[in-house]
Amino acid sequence: MSSAENTTRQYTSILERLSKVETAMETERPHLASKADLERHTRLIVMWMIATQLALAGFLYTVLGN
């Protein structure tokens, strides 16, 4: 086998693997979170944490106040 044939086979193998990776990425892309999704979830988490802290403060005020 000559060096040129070996190089051609390697090149073909690389192209096939790249094609598989591209196909996998296109298949998964609709399931990935967008920047807007991440910002929305960040806001929801912050709001949840604030509400939890307020509820805990109210509970402690009620328990310790009496």
PDB file of N, CA and C in Angstrom:
ATOM      1  N   MET A   1       0.855  -1.162   0.000  1.00  0.00           N
ATOM      2  CA  MET A   1       0.000   0.000   0.000  1.00  0.00           C
ATOM      3  C   MET A   1       0.906   1.232   0.000  1.00  0.00           C
ATOM      4  N   SER A   2       0.593   2.147  -0.856  1.00  0.00           N
ATOM      5  CA  SER A   2       1.434   3.342  -0.962  1.00  0.00           C
ATOM      6  C   SER A   2       1.002   4.385   0.061  1.00  0.00           C
ATOM      7  N   SER A   3       1.849   5.333   0.211  1.00  0.00           N
ATOM      8  CA  SER A   3       1.578   6.418   1.158  1.00  0.00           C
ATOM      9  C   SER A   3       0.365   7.238   0.720  1.00  0.00           C
ATOM     10  N   ALA A   4       0.195   7.421  -0.578  1.00  0.00           N
ATOM     11  CA  ALA A   4      -0.938   8.194  -1.103  1.00  0.00           C
ATOM     12  C   ALA A   4      -2.262   7.479  -0.802  1.00  0.00           C
ATOM     13  N   GLU A   5      -2.281   6.148  -0.964  1.00  0.00           N
ATOM     14  CA  GLU A   5      -3.501   5.379  -0.669  1.00  0.00           C
ATOM     15  C   GLU A   5      -3.833   5.451   0.818  1.00  0.00           C
ATOM     16  N   ASN A   6      -2.816   5.351   1.645  1.00  0.00           N
ATOM     17  CA  ASN A   6      -3.023   5.422   3.088  1.00  0.00           C
ATOM     18  C   ASN A   6      -3.573   6.794   3.481  1.00  0.00           C
ATOM     19  N   THR A   7      -3.031   7.840   2.899  1.00  0.00           N
ATOM     20  CA  THR A   7      -3.495   9.195   3.184  1.00  0.00           C
ATOM     21  C   THR A   7      -4.934   9.374   2.730  1.00  0.00           C
ATOM     22  N   THR A   8      -5.280   8.840   1.571  1.00  0.00           N
ATOM     23  CA  THR A   8      -6.645   8.940   1.064  1.00  0.00           C
ATOM     24  C   THR A   8      -7.610   8.213   1.980  1.00  0.00           C
ATOM     25  N   ARG A   9      -7.224   7.041   2.476  1.00  0.00           N
ATOM     26  CA  ARG A   9      -8.086   6.296   3.395  1.00  0.00           C
ATOM     27  C   ARG A   9      -8.282   7.048   4.702  1.00  0.00           C
ATOM     28  N   GLN A  10      -7.214   7.625   5.216  1.00  0.00           N
ATOM     29  CA  GLN A  10      -7.322   8.399   6.454  1.00  0.00           C
ATOM     30  C   GLN A  10      -8.228   9.606   6.244  1.00  0.00           C
ATOM     31  N   TYR A  11      -8.069  10.283   5.125  1.00  0.00           N
ATOM     32  CA  TYR A  11      -8.892  11.451   4.807  1.00  0.00           C
ATOM     33  C   TYR A  11     -10.362  11.060   4.722  1.00  0.00           C
ATOM     34  N   THR A  12     -10.646   9.949   4.054  1.00  0.00           N
ATOM     35  CA  THR A  12     -12.022   9.467   3.930  1.00  0.00           C
ATOM     36  C   THR A  12     -12.588   9.112   5.301  1.00  0.00           C
ATOM     37  N   SER A  13     -11.772   8.482   6.139  1.00  0.00           N
ATOM     38  CA  SER A  13     -12.208   8.117   7.492  1.00  0.00           C
ATOM     39  C   SER A  13     -12.523   9.365   8.310  1.00  0.00           C
ATOM     40  N   ILE A  14     -11.679  10.368   8.196  1.00  0.00           N
ATOM     41  CA  ILE A  14     -11.905  11.619   8.931  1.00  0.00           C
ATOM     42  C   ILE A  14     -13.194  12.278   8.465  1.00  0.00           C
ATOM     43  N   LEU A  15     -13.431  12.307   7.174  1.00  0.00           N
ATOM     44  CA  LEU A  15     -14.654  12.915   6.643  1.00  0.00           C
ATOM     45  C   LEU A  15     -15.900  12.167   7.115  1.00  0.00           C
ATOM     46  N   GLU A  16     -15.832  10.848   7.171  1.00  0.00           N
ATOM     47  CA  GLU A  16     -16.969  10.059   7.650  1.00  0.00           C
ATOM     48  C   GLU A  16     -17.248  10.352   9.122  1.00  0.00           C
ATOM     49  N   ARG A  17     -16.197  10.412   9.931  1.00  0.00           N
ATOM     50  CA  ARG A  17     -16.375  10.700  11.351  1.00  0.00           C
ATOM     51  C   ARG A  17     -16.904  12.112  11.569  1.00  0.00           C
ATOM     52  N   LEU A  18     -16.415  13.063  10.780  1.00  0.00           N
ATOM     53  CA  LEU A  18     -16.892  14.434  10.885  1.00  0.00           C
ATOM     54  C   LEU A  18     -18.365  14.517  10.510  1.00  0.00           C
ATOM     55  N   SER A  19     -18.757  13.778   9.499  1.00  0.00           N
ATOM     56  CA  SER A  19     -20.156  13.747   9.086  1.00  0.00           C
ATOM     57  C   SER A  19     -21.039  13.199  10.208  1.00  0.00           C
ATOM     58  N   LYS A  20     -20.573  12.176  10.905  1.00  0.00           N
ATOM     59  CA  LYS A  20     -21.330  11.606  12.023  1.00  0.00           C
ATOM     60  C   LYS A  20     -21.467  12.614  13.162  1.00  0.00           C
ATOM     61  N   VAL A  21     -20.398  13.338  13.453  1.00  0.00           N
ATOM     62  CA  VAL A  21     -20.436  14.333  14.521  1.00  0.00           C
ATOM     63  C   VAL A  21     -21.404  15.456  14.158  1.00  0.00           C
ATOM     64  N   GLU A  22     -21.349  15.924  12.917  1.00  0.00           N
ATOM     65  CA  GLU A  22     -22.261  16.981  12.481  1.00  0.00           C
ATOM     66  C   GLU A  22     -23.711  16.528  12.564  1.00  0.00           C
ATOM     67  N   THR A  23     -23.980  15.301  12.170  1.00  0.00           N
ATOM     68  CA  THR A  23     -25.338  14.762  12.243  1.00  0.00           C
ATOM     69  C   THR A  23     -25.810  14.693  13.693  1.00  0.00           C
ATOM     70  N   ALA A  24     -24.930  14.252  14.581  1.00  0.00           N
ATOM     71  CA  ALA A  24     -25.286  14.165  15.997  1.00  0.00           C
ATOM     72  C   ALA A  24     -25.558  15.554  16.570  1.00  0.00           C
ATOM     73  N   MET A  25     -24.762  16.526  16.195  1.00  0.00           N
ATOM     74  CA  MET A  25     -24.966  17.891  16.693  1.00  0.00           C
ATOM     75  C   MET A  25     -26.291  18.460  16.198  1.00  0.00           C
ATOM     76  N   GLU A  26     -26.615  18.239  14.947  1.00  0.00           N
ATOM     77  CA  GLU A  26     -27.878  18.746  14.407  1.00  0.00           C
ATOM     78  C   GLU A  26     -29.075  18.056  15.057  1.00  0.00           C
ATOM     79  N   THR A  27     -28.906  16.808  15.439  1.00  0.00           N
ATOM     80  CA  THR A  27     -29.976  16.072  16.109  1.00  0.00           C
ATOM     81  C   THR A  27     -30.197  16.603  17.526  1.00  0.00           C
ATOM     82  N   GLU A  28     -29.110  16.956  18.219  1.00  0.00           N
ATOM     83  CA  GLU A  28     -29.193  17.401  19.609  1.00  0.00           C
ATOM     84  C   GLU A  28     -29.495  18.889  19.751  1.00  0.00           C
ATOM     85  N   ARG A  29     -29.210  19.681  18.735  1.00  0.00           N
ATOM     86  CA  ARG A  29     -29.338  21.135  18.836  1.00  0.00           C
ATOM     87  C   ARG A  29     -30.713  21.612  19.322  1.00  0.00           C
ATOM     88  N   PRO A  30     -31.830  21.032  18.862  1.00  0.00           N
ATOM     89  CA  PRO A  30     -33.130  21.522  19.355  1.00  0.00           C
ATOM     90  C   PRO A  30     -33.343  21.285  20.851  1.00  0.00           C
ATOM     91  N   HIS A  31     -32.582  20.381  21.442  1.00  0.00           N
ATOM     92  CA  HIS A  31     -32.765  20.048  22.849  1.00  0.00           C
ATOM     93  C   HIS A  31     -31.872  20.869  23.777  1.00  0.00           C
ATOM     94  N   LEU A  32     -30.966  21.652  23.213  1.00  0.00           N
ATOM     95  CA  LEU A  32     -30.059  22.446  24.028  1.00  0.00           C
ATOM     96  C   LEU A  32     -30.729  23.743  24.472  1.00  0.00           C
ATOM     97  N   ALA A  33     -30.338  24.240  25.621  1.00  0.00           N
ATOM     98  CA  ALA A  33     -30.911  25.482  26.147  1.00  0.00           C
ATOM     99  C   ALA A  33     -30.312  26.679  25.427  1.00  0.00           C
ATOM    100  N   SER A  34     -31.157  27.643  25.160  1.00  0.00           N
ATOM    101  CA  SER A  34     -30.677  28.879  24.549  1.00  0.00           C
ATOM    102  C   SER A  34     -30.287  29.861  25.651  1.00  0.00           C
ATOM    103  N   LYS A  35     -29.697  30.976  25.251  1.00  0.00           N
ATOM    104  CA  LYS A  35     -29.315  31.995  26.223  1.00  0.00           C
ATOM    105  C   LYS A  35     -30.542  32.533  26.955  1.00  0.00           C
ATOM    106  N   ALA A  36     -31.633  32.713  26.219  1.00  0.00           N
ATOM    107  CA  ALA A  36     -32.876  33.201  26.828  1.00  0.00           C
ATOM    108  C   ALA A  36     -33.407  32.194  27.856  1.00  0.00           C
ATOM    109  N   ASP A  37     -33.316  30.907  27.546  1.00  0.00           N
ATOM    110  CA  ASP A  37     -33.750  29.880  28.502  1.00  0.00           C
ATOM    111  C   ASP A  37     -32.942  29.952  29.796  1.00  0.00           C
ATOM    112  N   LEU A  38     -31.625  30.109  29.662  1.00  0.00           N
ATOM    113  CA  LEU A  38     -30.766  30.172  30.842  1.00  0.00           C
ATOM    114  C   LEU A  38     -31.060  31.410  31.672  1.00  0.00           C
ATOM    115  N   GLU A  39     -31.294  32.547  31.015  1.00  0.00           N
ATOM    116  CA  GLU A  39     -31.621  33.772  31.749  1.00  0.00           C
ATOM    117  C   GLU A  39     -32.949  33.624  32.479  1.00  0.00           C
ATOM    118  N   ARG A  40     -33.926  33.011  31.837  1.00  0.00           N
ATOM    119  CA  ARG A  40     -35.237  32.809  32.461  1.00  0.00           C
ATOM    120  C   ARG A  40     -35.116  31.932  33.698  1.00  0.00           C
ATOM    121  N   HIS A  41     -34.371  30.848  33.581  1.00  0.00           N
ATOM    122  CA  HIS A  41     -34.225  29.939  34.714  1.00  0.00           C
ATOM    123  C   HIS A  41     -33.433  30.582  35.844  1.00  0.00           C
ATOM    124  N   THR A  42     -32.480  31.431  35.500  1.00  0.00           N
ATOM    125  CA  THR A  42     -31.730  32.141  36.534  1.00  0.00           C
ATOM    126  C   THR A  42     -32.659  33.056  37.316  1.00  0.00           C
ATOM    127  N   ARG A  43     -33.519  33.785  36.611  1.00  0.00           N
ATOM    128  CA  ARG A  43     -34.480  34.651  37.294  1.00  0.00           C
ATOM    129  C   ARG A  43     -35.417  33.844  38.176  1.00  0.00           C
ATOM    130  N   LEU A  44     -35.875  32.714  37.690  1.00  0.00           N
ATOM    131  CA  LEU A  44     -36.781  31.877  38.485  1.00  0.00           C
ATOM    132  C   LEU A  44     -36.104  31.362  39.753  1.00  0.00           C
ATOM    133  N   ILE A  45     -34.851  30.981  39.648  1.00  0.00           N
ATOM    134  CA  ILE A  45     -34.128  30.479  40.813  1.00  0.00           C
ATOM    135  C   ILE A  45     -33.939  31.595  41.836  1.00  0.00           C
ATOM    136  N   VAL A  46     -33.592  32.797  41.370  1.00  0.00           N
ATOM    137  CA  VAL A  46     -33.413  33.926  42.290  1.00  0.00           C
ATOM    138  C   VAL A  46     -34.730  34.251  42.975  1.00  0.00           C
ATOM    139  N   MET A  47     -35.816  34.284  42.208  1.00  0.00           N
ATOM    140  CA  MET A  47     -37.128  34.566  42.802  1.00  0.00           C
ATOM    141  C   MET A  47     -37.499  33.490  43.823  1.00  0.00           C
ATOM    142  N   TRP A  48     -37.224  32.231  43.523  1.00  0.00           N
ATOM    143  CA  TRP A  48     -37.529  31.138  44.438  1.00  0.00           C
ATOM    144  C   TRP A  48     -36.726  31.277  45.730  1.00  0.00           C
ATOM    145  N   MET A  49     -35.463  31.646  45.608  1.00  0.00           N
ATOM    146  CA  MET A  49     -34.624  31.799  46.804  1.00  0.00           C
ATOM    147  C   MET A  49     -35.120  32.952  47.675  1.00  0.00           C
ATOM    148  N   ILE A  50     -35.502  34.065  47.061  1.00  0.00           N
ATOM    149  CA  ILE A  50     -36.016  35.197  47.833  1.00  0.00           C
ATOM    150  C   ILE A  50     -37.310  34.819  48.539  1.00  0.00           C
ATOM    151  N   ALA A  51     -38.212  34.141  47.822  1.00  0.00           N
ATOM    152  CA  ALA A  51     -39.477  33.726  48.427  1.00  0.00           C
ATOM    153  C   ALA A  51     -39.244  32.747  49.576  1.00  0.00           C
ATOM    154  N   THR A  52     -38.303  31.856  49.419  1.00  0.00           N
ATOM    155  CA  THR A  52     -37.994  30.897  50.482  1.00  0.00           C
ATOM    156  C   THR A  52     -37.440  31.615  51.710  1.00  0.00           C
ATOM    157  N   GLN A  53     -36.565  32.584  51.503  1.00  0.00           N
ATOM    158  CA  GLN A  53     -36.004  33.332  52.622  1.00  0.00           C
ATOM    159  C   GLN A  53     -37.082  34.144  53.339  1.00  0.00           C
ATOM    160  N   LEU A  54     -37.988  34.744  52.583  1.00  0.00           N
ATOM    161  CA  LEU A  54     -39.081  35.489  53.209  1.00  0.00           C
ATOM    162  C   LEU A  54     -39.990  34.557  54.016  1.00  0.00           C
ATOM    163  N   ALA A  55     -40.293  33.398  53.463  1.00  0.00           N
ATOM    164  CA  ALA A  55     -41.138  32.443  54.175  1.00  0.00           C
ATOM    165  C   ALA A  55     -40.448  31.965  55.450  1.00  0.00           C
ATOM    166  N   LEU A  56     -39.149  31.701  55.363  1.00  0.00           N
ATOM    167  CA  LEU A  56     -38.406  31.265  56.544  1.00  0.00           C
ATOM    168  C   LEU A  56     -38.351  32.371  57.590  1.00  0.00           C
ATOM    169  N   ALA A  57     -38.155  33.613  57.160  1.00  0.00           N
ATOM    170  CA  ALA A  57     -38.134  34.734  58.099  1.00  0.00           C
ATOM    171  C   ALA A  57     -39.503  34.883  58.777  1.00  0.00           C
ATOM    172  N   GLY A  58     -40.567  34.737  58.019  1.00  0.00           N
ATOM    173  CA  GLY A  58     -41.916  34.807  58.606  1.00  0.00           C
ATOM    174  C   GLY A  58     -42.160  33.687  59.583  1.00  0.00           C
ATOM    175  N   PHE A  59     -41.701  32.501  59.242  1.00  0.00           N
ATOM    176  CA  PHE A  59     -41.858  31.358  60.144  1.00  0.00           C
ATOM    177  C   PHE A  59     -41.082  31.581  61.444  1.00  0.00           C
ATOM    178  N   LEU A  60     -39.843  32.020  61.333  1.00  0.00           N
ATOM    179  CA  LEU A  60     -39.033  32.265  62.529  1.00  0.00           C
ATOM    180  C   LEU A  60     -39.618  33.393  63.377  1.00  0.00           C
ATOM    181  N   TYR A  61     -40.119  34.420  62.731  1.00  0.00           N
ATOM    182  CA  TYR A  61     -40.756  35.515  63.460  1.00  0.00           C
ATOM    183  C   TYR A  61     -41.960  35.006  64.250  1.00  0.00           C
ATOM    184  N   THR A  62     -42.729  34.125  63.619  1.00  0.00           N
ATOM    185  CA  THR A  62     -43.913  33.574  64.282  1.00  0.00           C
ATOM    186  C   THR A  62     -43.507  32.673  65.451  1.00  0.00           C
ATOM    187  N   VAL A  63     -42.541  31.820  65.247  1.00  0.00           N
ATOM    188  CA  VAL A  63     -42.130  30.882  66.286  1.00  0.00           C
ATOM    189  C   VAL A  63     -41.422  31.593  67.433  1.00  0.00           C
ATOM    190  N   LEU A  64     -40.498  32.461  67.134  1.00  0.00           N
ATOM    191  CA  LEU A  64     -39.707  33.124  68.170  1.00  0.00           C
ATOM    192  C   LEU A  64     -40.429  34.319  68.784  1.00  0.00           C
ATOM    193  N   GLY A  65     -41.400  34.868  68.069  1.00  0.00           N
ATOM    194  CA  GLY A  65     -42.122  36.030  68.572  1.00  0.00           C
ATOM    195  C   GLY A  65     -43.101  35.700  69.666  1.00  0.00           C
ATOM    196  N   ASN A  66     -43.569  34.476  69.716  1.00  0.00           N
ATOM    197  CA  ASN A  66     -44.578  34.124  70.727  1.00  0.00           C
ATOM    198  C   ASN A  66     -43.959  33.526  71.902  1.00  0.00           C
TER     199      ASN A  66
END
